């Protein structure tokens, strides 16, 4: 007779889910690192207007306009960085923002 036991249901791993929904973001200038951590999203402004970058975003590169970068952490806190201009590069869940260029 075949074993009819159902597989054990496991509790979802919140840390694993957060890792899937997060990306590494680094914001820096020639003389200072403003942010270098994992986060859930980043919002900025370019000449087309405001936009958001989330995990699994397509490869993307843009010049940033003067704005306030908003980085949202996994714990729902926000880091805000006022910028005058910059370059953003997005690839493979890594976002690099180079300021003052």
C-alpha atoms as a PDB file:
ATOM      1  CA  UNK A   1       0.000   0.000   0.000  1.00  0.00           C
ATOM      2  CA  UNK A   2       1.354   3.439  -0.975  1.00  0.00           C
ATOM      3  CA  UNK A   3       2.173   5.999   1.671  1.00  0.00           C
ATOM      4  CA  UNK A   4      -0.698   8.497   1.733  1.00  0.00           C
ATOM      5  CA  UNK A   5       0.896  11.040   4.070  1.00  0.00           C
ATOM      6  CA  UNK A   6       0.761  14.607   2.865  1.00  0.00           C
ATOM      7  CA  UNK A   7       3.979  16.572   2.716  1.00  0.00           C
ATOM      8  CA  UNK A   8       4.627  18.789   5.700  1.00  0.00           C
ATOM      9  CA  UNK A   9       3.641  22.380   5.164  1.00  0.00           C
ATOM     10  CA  UNK A  10       6.452  24.677   6.125  1.00  0.00           C
ATOM     11  CA  UNK A  11       6.138  28.235   7.203  1.00  0.00           C
ATOM     12  CA  UNK A  12       7.324  30.634   4.474  1.00  0.00           C
ATOM     13  CA  UNK A  13      10.807  31.954   5.085  1.00  0.00           C
ATOM     14  CA  UNK A  14      10.386  35.745   5.374  1.00  0.00           C
ATOM     15  CA  UNK A  15      14.123  36.351   4.982  1.00  0.00           C
ATOM     16  CA  UNK A  16      14.153  34.381   1.715  1.00  0.00           C
ATOM     17  CA  UNK A  17      11.113  36.309   0.453  1.00  0.00           C
ATOM     18  CA  UNK A  18      12.734  39.634   1.367  1.00  0.00           C
ATOM     19  CA  UNK A  19      15.907  38.618  -0.474  1.00  0.00           C
ATOM     20  CA  UNK A  20      13.899  37.892  -3.641  1.00  0.00           C
ATOM     21  CA  UNK A  21      12.242  41.304  -3.423  1.00  0.00           C
ATOM     22  CA  UNK A  22      15.361  43.287  -2.624  1.00  0.00           C
ATOM     23  CA  UNK A  23      18.378  44.538  -4.526  1.00  0.00           C
ATOM     24  CA  UNK A  24      21.740  46.021  -3.693  1.00  0.00           C
ATOM     25  CA  UNK A  25      21.805  49.809  -3.980  1.00  0.00           C
ATOM     26  CA  UNK A  26      24.943  51.917  -3.841  1.00  0.00           C
ATOM     27  CA  UNK A  27      24.795  55.719  -3.973  1.00  0.00           C
ATOM     28  CA  UNK A  28      28.125  57.503  -3.962  1.00  0.00           C
ATOM     29  CA  UNK A  29      30.126  60.486  -5.190  1.00  0.00           C
ATOM     30  CA  UNK A  30      33.868  60.879  -5.686  1.00  0.00           C
ATOM     31  CA  UNK A  31      34.425  61.581  -1.985  1.00  0.00           C
ATOM     32  CA  UNK A  32      31.504  60.039  -0.099  1.00  0.00           C
ATOM     33  CA  UNK A  33      29.377  56.890   0.064  1.00  0.00           C
ATOM     34  CA  UNK A  34      25.775  57.872   0.876  1.00  0.00           C
ATOM     35  CA  UNK A  35      24.220  54.406   0.827  1.00  0.00           C
ATOM     36  CA  UNK A  36      25.540  50.865   0.252  1.00  0.00           C
ATOM     37  CA  UNK A  37      22.979  48.249   1.374  1.00  0.00           C
ATOM     38  CA  UNK A  38      20.158  45.983   0.325  1.00  0.00           C
ATOM     39  CA  UNK A  39      16.794  47.698  -0.159  1.00  0.00           C
ATOM     40  CA  UNK A  40      13.347  47.083  -1.623  1.00  0.00           C
ATOM     41  CA  UNK A  41      13.145  50.022  -4.090  1.00  0.00           C
ATOM     42  CA  UNK A  42      14.576  53.352  -5.183  1.00  0.00           C
ATOM     43  CA  UNK A  43      12.688  56.328  -6.610  1.00  0.00           C
ATOM     44  CA  UNK A  44      14.252  59.156  -8.607  1.00  0.00           C
ATOM     45  CA  UNK A  45      13.571  61.681 -11.383  1.00  0.00           C
ATOM     46  CA  UNK A  46      14.997  61.945 -14.903  1.00  0.00           C
ATOM     47  CA  UNK A  47      14.020  64.192 -17.830  1.00  0.00           C
ATOM     48  CA  UNK A  48      10.973  61.992 -18.537  1.00  0.00           C
ATOM     49  CA  UNK A  49       9.721  62.391 -14.957  1.00  0.00           C
ATOM     50  CA  UNK A  50       9.639  60.410 -11.693  1.00  0.00           C
ATOM     51  CA  UNK A  51      10.242  56.651 -11.748  1.00  0.00           C
ATOM     52  CA  UNK A  52      10.760  53.680  -9.421  1.00  0.00           C
ATOM     53  CA  UNK A  53      13.176  50.767  -9.624  1.00  0.00           C
ATOM     54  CA  UNK A  54      12.168  47.472  -7.996  1.00  0.00           C
ATOM     55  CA  UNK A  55      13.893  44.081  -7.837  1.00  0.00           C
ATOM     56  CA  UNK A  56      14.103  42.249 -11.181  1.00  0.00           C
ATOM     57  CA  UNK A  57      13.994  45.504 -13.151  1.00  0.00           C
ATOM     58  CA  UNK A  58      15.322  45.320 -16.711  1.00  0.00           C
ATOM     59  CA  UNK A  59      18.803  46.664 -17.374  1.00  0.00           C
ATOM     60  CA  UNK A  60      18.547  50.432 -17.361  1.00  0.00           C
ATOM     61  CA  UNK A  61      20.773  53.496 -17.455  1.00  0.00           C
ATOM     62  CA  UNK A  62      19.731  57.140 -17.104  1.00  0.00           C
ATOM     63  CA  UNK A  63      20.899  60.619 -16.208  1.00  0.00           C
ATOM     64  CA  UNK A  64      19.185  61.839 -13.045  1.00  0.00           C
ATOM     65  CA  UNK A  65      17.716  65.311 -12.619  1.00  0.00           C
ATOM     66  CA  UNK A  66      17.809  67.311  -9.408  1.00  0.00           C
ATOM     67  CA  UNK A  67      15.541  65.439  -7.000  1.00  0.00           C
ATOM     68  CA  UNK A  68      15.308  63.592  -3.735  1.00  0.00           C
ATOM     69  CA  UNK A  69      16.282  59.921  -4.072  1.00  0.00           C
ATOM     70  CA  UNK A  70      14.005  57.794  -1.926  1.00  0.00           C
ATOM     71  CA  UNK A  71      15.329  54.375  -0.956  1.00  0.00           C
ATOM     72  CA  UNK A  72      12.797  52.064   0.706  1.00  0.00           C
ATOM     73  CA  UNK A  73      14.179  49.417   3.042  1.00  0.00           C
ATOM     74  CA  UNK A  74      12.701  45.969   3.746  1.00  0.00           C
ATOM     75  CA  UNK A  75      11.487  47.186   7.157  1.00  0.00           C
ATOM     76  CA  UNK A  76       9.499  49.986   5.401  1.00  0.00           C
ATOM     77  CA  UNK A  77      11.843  52.757   6.536  1.00  0.00           C
ATOM     78  CA  UNK A  78      13.090  55.266   3.984  1.00  0.00           C
ATOM     79  CA  UNK A  79      16.455  56.863   3.327  1.00  0.00           C
ATOM     80  CA  UNK A  80      16.206  60.199   1.489  1.00  0.00           C
ATOM     81  CA  UNK A  81      19.145  61.784  -0.340  1.00  0.00           C
ATOM     82  CA  UNK A  82      18.880  65.200  -1.991  1.00  0.00           C
ATOM     83  CA  UNK A  83      20.838  65.267  -5.276  1.00  0.00           C
ATOM     84  CA  UNK A  84      21.617  67.878  -7.913  1.00  0.00           C
ATOM     85  CA  UNK A  85      22.428  65.385 -10.699  1.00  0.00           C
ATOM     86  CA  UNK A  86      23.766  61.883 -11.238  1.00  0.00           C
ATOM     87  CA  UNK A  87      23.913  58.713 -13.305  1.00  0.00           C
ATOM     88  CA  UNK A  88      21.954  55.559 -12.453  1.00  0.00           C
ATOM     89  CA  UNK A  89      22.834  52.087 -13.720  1.00  0.00           C
ATOM     90  CA  UNK A  90      20.592  49.076 -13.054  1.00  0.00           C
ATOM     91  CA  UNK A  91      21.683  45.523 -13.827  1.00  0.00           C
ATOM     92  CA  UNK A  92      20.983  42.131 -12.223  1.00  0.00           C
ATOM     93  CA  UNK A  93      19.352  43.491  -9.031  1.00  0.00           C
ATOM     94  CA  UNK A  94      22.185  45.956  -8.493  1.00  0.00           C
ATOM     95  CA  UNK A  95      21.609  49.707  -8.655  1.00  0.00           C
ATOM     96  CA  UNK A  96      24.548  52.074  -8.813  1.00  0.00           C
ATOM     97  CA  UNK A  97      23.994  55.814  -8.539  1.00  0.00           C
ATOM     98  CA  UNK A  98      27.025  58.007  -9.119  1.00  0.00           C
ATOM     99  CA  UNK A  99      26.474  61.599  -8.041  1.00  0.00           C
ATOM    100  CA  UNK A 100      28.085  64.942  -8.875  1.00  0.00           C
ATOM    101  CA  UNK A 101      29.099  64.053 -12.418  1.00  0.00           C
END
